[in-house]
Amino acid sequence: MTHAEEQRMLMFLRVIRQSGIREEATEDAYRKLKQQFQDQEVDPVTVRSHVDQTIRYQAPHYWPQSSGNRGAVPPPNPGAGIDWDAIKNPQERLTRWREHQAAQQQAEEAQRR
């Protein structure tokens, strides 16, 4: 394994851990990320976006179930209809993700007022 491959693996595992995926599901989640981003240079924000916007809805059993929601996946937030996987250019995906986050924050602030 090259140094770059090792760094990529560690980044994927860090994102998996930070997203709250159960330890037993780490290997499966890692395989999904490795397959999704095969031959692509990605950053942690792009990977976390994929985890939050795709894997969370494809594999909700990767996360611990709370007794309150019985494992139900929360409905996607506004803008979740964006096909993040269709945006192949990592820089464009990151830009779109940041724009999406900014729009969400503005909507939340407007609701608080």
N, C-alpha and C. Protein backbone atom coordinates (compact mmCIF):
# COMPACT_ATOMS: atom_id res chain seq x y z
N MET A 1 0.86 -1.18 0.00
CA MET A 1 0.00 0.00 0.00
C MET A 1 0.90 1.24 0.00
N THR A 2 0.62 2.13 -0.91
CA THR A 2 1.42 3.36 -0.99
C THR A 2 1.00 4.30 0.13
N HIS A 3 1.81 5.31 0.34
CA HIS A 3 1.50 6.31 1.37
C HIS A 3 0.18 7.01 1.06
N ALA A 4 -0.04 7.34 -0.22
CA ALA A 4 -1.29 8.02 -0.60
C ALA A 4 -2.50 7.13 -0.34
N GLU A 5 -2.38 5.84 -0.64
CA GLU A 5 -3.49 4.90 -0.39
C GLU A 5 -3.76 4.78 1.11
N GLU A 6 -2.70 4.77 1.89
CA GLU A 6 -2.84 4.69 3.34
C GLU A 6 -3.55 5.93 3.88
N GLN A 7 -3.16 7.10 3.39
CA GLN A 7 -3.78 8.35 3.84
C GLN A 7 -5.25 8.39 3.45
N ARG A 8 -5.57 7.90 2.27
CA ARG A 8 -6.96 7.85 1.79
C ARG A 8 -7.79 6.93 2.69
N MET A 9 -7.23 5.75 3.02
CA MET A 9 -7.92 4.81 3.88
C MET A 9 -8.18 5.43 5.26
N LEU A 10 -7.17 6.08 5.80
CA LEU A 10 -7.32 6.71 7.11
C LEU A 10 -8.37 7.82 7.09
N MET A 11 -8.42 8.58 5.99
CA MET A 11 -9.42 9.64 5.85
C MET A 11 -10.82 9.03 5.82
N PHE A 12 -11.00 7.96 5.02
CA PHE A 12 -12.30 7.30 4.96
C PHE A 12 -12.71 6.80 6.34
N LEU A 13 -11.79 6.17 7.05
CA LEU A 13 -12.11 5.64 8.38
C LEU A 13 -12.42 6.75 9.38
N ARG A 14 -11.72 7.88 9.26
CA ARG A 14 -11.99 9.02 10.13
C ARG A 14 -13.40 9.56 9.89
N VAL A 15 -13.77 9.69 8.62
CA VAL A 15 -15.12 10.18 8.28
C VAL A 15 -16.17 9.20 8.79
N ILE A 16 -15.92 7.91 8.62
CA ILE A 16 -16.86 6.89 9.10
C ILE A 16 -17.05 7.02 10.59
N ARG A 17 -15.96 7.13 11.32
CA ARG A 17 -16.04 7.25 12.78
C ARG A 17 -16.77 8.52 13.20
N GLN A 18 -16.46 9.64 12.54
CA GLN A 18 -17.07 10.92 12.90
C GLN A 18 -18.56 10.96 12.56
N SER A 19 -18.98 10.16 11.59
CA SER A 19 -20.39 10.19 11.20
C SER A 19 -21.26 9.35 12.12
N GLY A 20 -20.64 8.59 13.03
CA GLY A 20 -21.41 7.83 14.01
C GLY A 20 -21.80 6.43 13.56
N ILE A 21 -21.22 5.94 12.50
CA ILE A 21 -21.50 4.59 12.03
C ILE A 21 -21.02 3.59 13.09
N ARG A 22 -21.85 2.56 13.33
CA ARG A 22 -21.49 1.54 14.33
C ARG A 22 -20.19 0.85 13.93
N GLU A 23 -19.43 0.45 14.92
CA GLU A 23 -18.14 -0.19 14.68
C GLU A 23 -18.28 -1.45 13.82
N GLU A 24 -19.35 -2.22 14.04
CA GLU A 24 -19.57 -3.46 13.28
C GLU A 24 -19.80 -3.19 11.80
N ALA A 25 -20.23 -1.98 11.45
CA ALA A 25 -20.54 -1.64 10.05
C ALA A 25 -19.40 -0.90 9.37
N THR A 26 -18.32 -0.66 10.10
CA THR A 26 -17.21 0.12 9.56
C THR A 26 -16.63 -0.49 8.28
N GLU A 27 -16.41 -1.78 8.28
CA GLU A 27 -15.81 -2.43 7.12
C GLU A 27 -16.71 -2.30 5.88
N ASP A 28 -18.01 -2.51 6.06
CA ASP A 28 -18.94 -2.37 4.94
C ASP A 28 -18.97 -0.93 4.43
N ALA A 29 -19.01 0.02 5.35
CA ALA A 29 -19.04 1.43 4.97
C ALA A 29 -17.76 1.80 4.22
N TYR A 30 -16.63 1.29 4.71
CA TYR A 30 -15.35 1.55 4.04
C TYR A 30 -15.38 1.02 2.61
N ARG A 31 -15.90 -0.20 2.43
CA ARG A 31 -15.98 -0.78 1.08
C ARG A 31 -16.85 0.07 0.16
N LYS A 32 -17.97 0.58 0.70
CA LYS A 32 -18.85 1.43 -0.10
C LYS A 32 -18.12 2.70 -0.54
N LEU A 33 -17.39 3.32 0.38
CA LEU A 33 -16.66 4.54 0.05
C LEU A 33 -15.55 4.26 -0.96
N LYS A 34 -14.83 3.18 -0.74
CA LYS A 34 -13.74 2.83 -1.65
C LYS A 34 -14.27 2.60 -3.06
N GLN A 35 -15.41 1.93 -3.16
CA GLN A 35 -16.00 1.68 -4.48
C GLN A 35 -16.52 2.98 -5.10
N GLN A 36 -17.18 3.82 -4.30
CA GLN A 36 -17.76 5.06 -4.81
C GLN A 36 -16.70 6.00 -5.35
N PHE A 37 -15.60 6.11 -4.63
CA PHE A 37 -14.58 7.10 -4.99
C PHE A 37 -13.35 6.47 -5.64
N GLN A 38 -13.54 5.32 -6.26
CA GLN A 38 -12.46 4.64 -6.95
C GLN A 38 -11.86 5.57 -8.01
N ASP A 39 -10.56 5.68 -7.98
CA ASP A 39 -9.82 6.50 -8.96
C ASP A 39 -10.20 7.98 -8.93
N GLN A 40 -10.67 8.47 -7.80
CA GLN A 40 -11.00 9.89 -7.66
C GLN A 40 -10.22 10.48 -6.50
N GLU A 41 -9.77 11.70 -6.67
CA GLU A 41 -9.15 12.43 -5.57
C GLU A 41 -10.28 13.13 -4.83
N VAL A 42 -10.45 12.83 -3.56
CA VAL A 42 -11.54 13.43 -2.79
C VAL A 42 -11.02 13.97 -1.48
N ASP A 43 -11.83 14.85 -0.90
CA ASP A 43 -11.49 15.44 0.39
C ASP A 43 -12.52 14.96 1.41
N PRO A 44 -12.25 15.16 2.69
CA PRO A 44 -13.17 14.69 3.73
C PRO A 44 -14.58 15.28 3.62
N VAL A 45 -14.71 16.51 3.16
CA VAL A 45 -16.04 17.13 3.04
C VAL A 45 -16.88 16.39 2.00
N THR A 46 -16.27 16.04 0.89
CA THR A 46 -16.97 15.32 -0.16
C THR A 46 -17.37 13.92 0.31
N VAL A 47 -16.46 13.27 1.01
CA VAL A 47 -16.74 11.93 1.52
C VAL A 47 -17.86 11.99 2.56
N ARG A 48 -17.78 12.95 3.47
CA ARG A 48 -18.83 13.07 4.50
C ARG A 48 -20.17 13.39 3.87
N SER A 49 -20.17 14.20 2.84
CA SER A 49 -21.39 14.52 2.12
C SER A 49 -22.02 13.24 1.57
N HIS A 50 -21.19 12.38 0.98
CA HIS A 50 -21.70 11.12 0.43
C HIS A 50 -22.26 10.24 1.55
N VAL A 51 -21.57 10.20 2.67
CA VAL A 51 -22.05 9.40 3.80
C VAL A 51 -23.40 9.92 4.27
N ASP A 52 -23.50 11.24 4.46
CA ASP A 52 -24.72 11.84 5.00
C ASP A 52 -25.88 11.83 4.00
N GLN A 53 -25.58 12.04 2.73
CA GLN A 53 -26.64 12.19 1.74
C GLN A 53 -27.01 10.88 1.03
N THR A 54 -26.15 9.89 1.07
CA THR A 54 -26.43 8.65 0.34
C THR A 54 -26.41 7.42 1.23
N ILE A 55 -25.28 7.15 1.84
CA ILE A 55 -25.16 5.91 2.62
C ILE A 55 -26.15 5.90 3.78
N ARG A 56 -26.38 7.04 4.41
CA ARG A 56 -27.31 7.08 5.54
C ARG A 56 -28.71 6.60 5.13
N TYR A 57 -29.09 6.83 3.89
CA TYR A 57 -30.42 6.44 3.42
C TYR A 57 -30.42 5.06 2.78
N GLN A 58 -29.28 4.64 2.25
CA GLN A 58 -29.17 3.31 1.66
C GLN A 58 -28.97 2.24 2.74
N ALA A 59 -28.30 2.60 3.81
CA ALA A 59 -27.96 1.62 4.85
C ALA A 59 -28.17 2.21 6.24
N PRO A 60 -29.40 2.53 6.61
CA PRO A 60 -29.64 3.14 7.92
C PRO A 60 -29.23 2.23 9.09
N HIS A 61 -29.13 0.93 8.82
CA HIS A 61 -28.73 0.00 9.87
C HIS A 61 -27.26 0.15 10.26
N TYR A 62 -26.50 0.95 9.55
CA TYR A 62 -25.11 1.21 9.92
C TYR A 62 -25.03 2.08 11.17
N TRP A 63 -26.09 2.82 11.48
CA TRP A 63 -26.10 3.72 12.62
C TRP A 63 -26.86 3.09 13.78
N PRO A 64 -26.48 3.45 14.99
CA PRO A 64 -27.22 2.91 16.15
C PRO A 64 -28.68 3.35 16.09
N GLN A 65 -29.55 2.48 16.51
CA GLN A 65 -30.97 2.81 16.54
C GLN A 65 -31.29 3.42 17.89
N SER A 66 -31.99 4.54 17.85
CA SER A 66 -32.44 5.14 19.10
C SER A 66 -33.81 4.58 19.42
N SER A 67 -34.14 4.52 20.67
CA SER A 67 -35.44 3.96 21.06
C SER A 67 -36.58 4.86 20.64
N GLY A 68 -36.29 6.15 20.41
CA GLY A 68 -37.35 7.09 20.06
C GLY A 68 -37.86 6.94 18.64
N ASN A 69 -37.00 6.65 17.69
CA ASN A 69 -37.48 6.60 16.31
C ASN A 69 -37.49 5.20 15.72
N ARG A 70 -37.15 4.20 16.50
CA ARG A 70 -37.16 2.81 16.07
C ARG A 70 -36.37 2.59 14.78
N GLY A 71 -35.30 3.36 14.60
CA GLY A 71 -34.43 3.16 13.46
C GLY A 71 -34.90 3.82 12.18
N ALA A 72 -35.97 4.59 12.26
CA ALA A 72 -36.47 5.24 11.05
C ALA A 72 -35.47 6.29 10.59
N VAL A 73 -35.33 6.38 9.32
CA VAL A 73 -34.43 7.37 8.74
C VAL A 73 -35.18 8.69 8.66
N PRO A 74 -34.59 9.77 9.15
CA PRO A 74 -35.27 11.05 9.05
C PRO A 74 -35.44 11.44 7.59
N PRO A 75 -36.47 12.20 7.28
CA PRO A 75 -36.65 12.60 5.88
C PRO A 75 -35.48 13.45 5.44
N PRO A 76 -35.11 13.37 4.17
CA PRO A 76 -34.00 14.17 3.68
C PRO A 76 -34.30 15.66 3.82
N ASN A 77 -33.27 16.43 4.02
CA ASN A 77 -33.45 17.87 4.16
C ASN A 77 -33.66 18.51 2.79
N PRO A 78 -34.10 19.75 2.76
CA PRO A 78 -34.28 20.42 1.47
C PRO A 78 -32.97 20.40 0.68
N GLY A 79 -33.08 20.11 -0.58
CA GLY A 79 -31.89 20.04 -1.41
C GLY A 79 -31.30 18.65 -1.49
N ALA A 80 -31.85 17.72 -0.71
CA ALA A 80 -31.31 16.37 -0.75
C ALA A 80 -31.61 15.70 -2.08
N GLY A 81 -32.49 16.31 -2.87
CA GLY A 81 -32.78 15.79 -4.19
C GLY A 81 -31.64 16.00 -5.16
N ILE A 82 -30.61 16.70 -4.72
CA ILE A 82 -29.44 16.92 -5.56
C ILE A 82 -28.72 15.57 -5.71
N ASP A 83 -28.42 15.21 -6.91
CA ASP A 83 -27.71 13.96 -7.16
C ASP A 83 -26.21 14.23 -7.03
N TRP A 84 -25.71 14.13 -5.81
CA TRP A 84 -24.31 14.46 -5.54
C TRP A 84 -23.38 13.55 -6.32
N ASP A 85 -23.79 12.30 -6.52
CA ASP A 85 -22.93 11.36 -7.24
C ASP A 85 -22.78 11.71 -8.71
N ALA A 86 -23.74 12.45 -9.24
CA ALA A 86 -23.67 12.83 -10.65
C ALA A 86 -22.62 13.92 -10.88
N ILE A 87 -22.22 14.60 -9.83
CA ILE A 87 -21.21 15.65 -9.95
C ILE A 87 -19.85 14.99 -9.78
N LYS A 88 -19.19 14.71 -10.88
CA LYS A 88 -17.94 13.94 -10.85
C LYS A 88 -16.73 14.78 -10.48
N ASN A 89 -16.76 16.06 -10.81
CA ASN A 89 -15.63 16.93 -10.50
C ASN A 89 -15.65 17.25 -9.01
N PRO A 90 -14.63 16.82 -8.24
CA PRO A 90 -14.63 17.03 -6.80
C PRO A 90 -14.72 18.50 -6.40
N GLN A 91 -14.09 19.39 -7.16
CA GLN A 91 -14.14 20.81 -6.82
C GLN A 91 -15.55 21.35 -7.00
N GLU A 92 -16.20 20.95 -8.08
CA GLU A 92 -17.57 21.40 -8.32
C GLU A 92 -18.51 20.84 -7.26
N ARG A 93 -18.30 19.57 -6.89
CA ARG A 93 -19.15 18.94 -5.86
C ARG A 93 -18.99 19.67 -4.53
N LEU A 94 -17.76 20.00 -4.19
CA LEU A 94 -17.50 20.72 -2.94
C LEU A 94 -18.15 22.10 -2.96
N THR A 95 -18.03 22.80 -4.08
CA THR A 95 -18.65 24.12 -4.22
C THR A 95 -20.16 24.01 -4.06
N ARG A 96 -20.77 23.05 -4.74
CA ARG A 96 -22.22 22.87 -4.65
C ARG A 96 -22.64 22.50 -3.24
N TRP A 97 -21.83 21.66 -2.56
CA TRP A 97 -22.13 21.26 -1.18
C TRP A 97 -22.08 22.47 -0.26
N ARG A 98 -21.08 23.31 -0.43
CA ARG A 98 -20.96 24.51 0.41
C ARG A 98 -22.13 25.46 0.15
N GLU A 99 -22.52 25.60 -1.11
CA GLU A 99 -23.69 26.44 -1.43
C GLU A 99 -24.94 25.87 -0.78
N HIS A 100 -25.07 24.56 -0.83
CA HIS A 100 -26.22 23.88 -0.22
C HIS A 100 -26.23 24.11 1.30
N GLN A 101 -25.07 23.96 1.95
CA GLN A 101 -24.99 24.19 3.39
C GLN A 101 -25.35 25.64 3.74
N ALA A 102 -24.84 26.58 2.97
CA ALA A 102 -25.14 28.00 3.23
C ALA A 102 -26.64 28.26 3.10
N ALA A 103 -27.27 27.68 2.10
CA ALA A 103 -28.72 27.86 1.92
C ALA A 103 -29.49 27.25 3.08
N GLN A 104 -29.04 26.10 3.57
CA GLN A 104 -29.69 25.47 4.72
C GLN A 104 -29.56 26.35 5.97
N GLN A 105 -28.37 26.89 6.18
CA GLN A 105 -28.16 27.74 7.35
C GLN A 105 -29.03 28.99 7.28
N GLN A 106 -29.14 29.58 6.10
CA GLN A 106 -29.99 30.77 5.94
C GLN A 106 -31.44 30.43 6.22
N ALA A 107 -31.90 29.28 5.74
CA ALA A 107 -33.29 28.87 5.98
C ALA A 107 -33.54 28.63 7.46
N GLU A 108 -32.58 28.02 8.15
CA GLU A 108 -32.73 27.77 9.60
C GLU A 108 -32.77 29.09 10.37
N GLU A 109 -31.90 30.03 9.96
CA GLU A 109 -31.89 31.34 10.64
C GLU A 109 -33.19 32.08 10.40
N ALA A 110 -33.72 31.99 9.21
CA ALA A 110 -35.00 32.66 8.89
C ALA A 110 -36.14 32.06 9.70
N GLN A 111 -36.10 30.76 9.95
CA GLN A 111 -37.15 30.11 10.74
C GLN A 111 -37.09 30.54 12.20
N ARG A 112 -35.89 30.80 12.70
CA ARG A 112 -35.73 31.20 14.10
C ARG A 112 -36.26 32.61 14.36
N ARG A 113 -36.32 33.42 13.33
CA ARG A 113 -36.74 34.82 13.51
C ARG A 113 -38.22 34.95 13.59
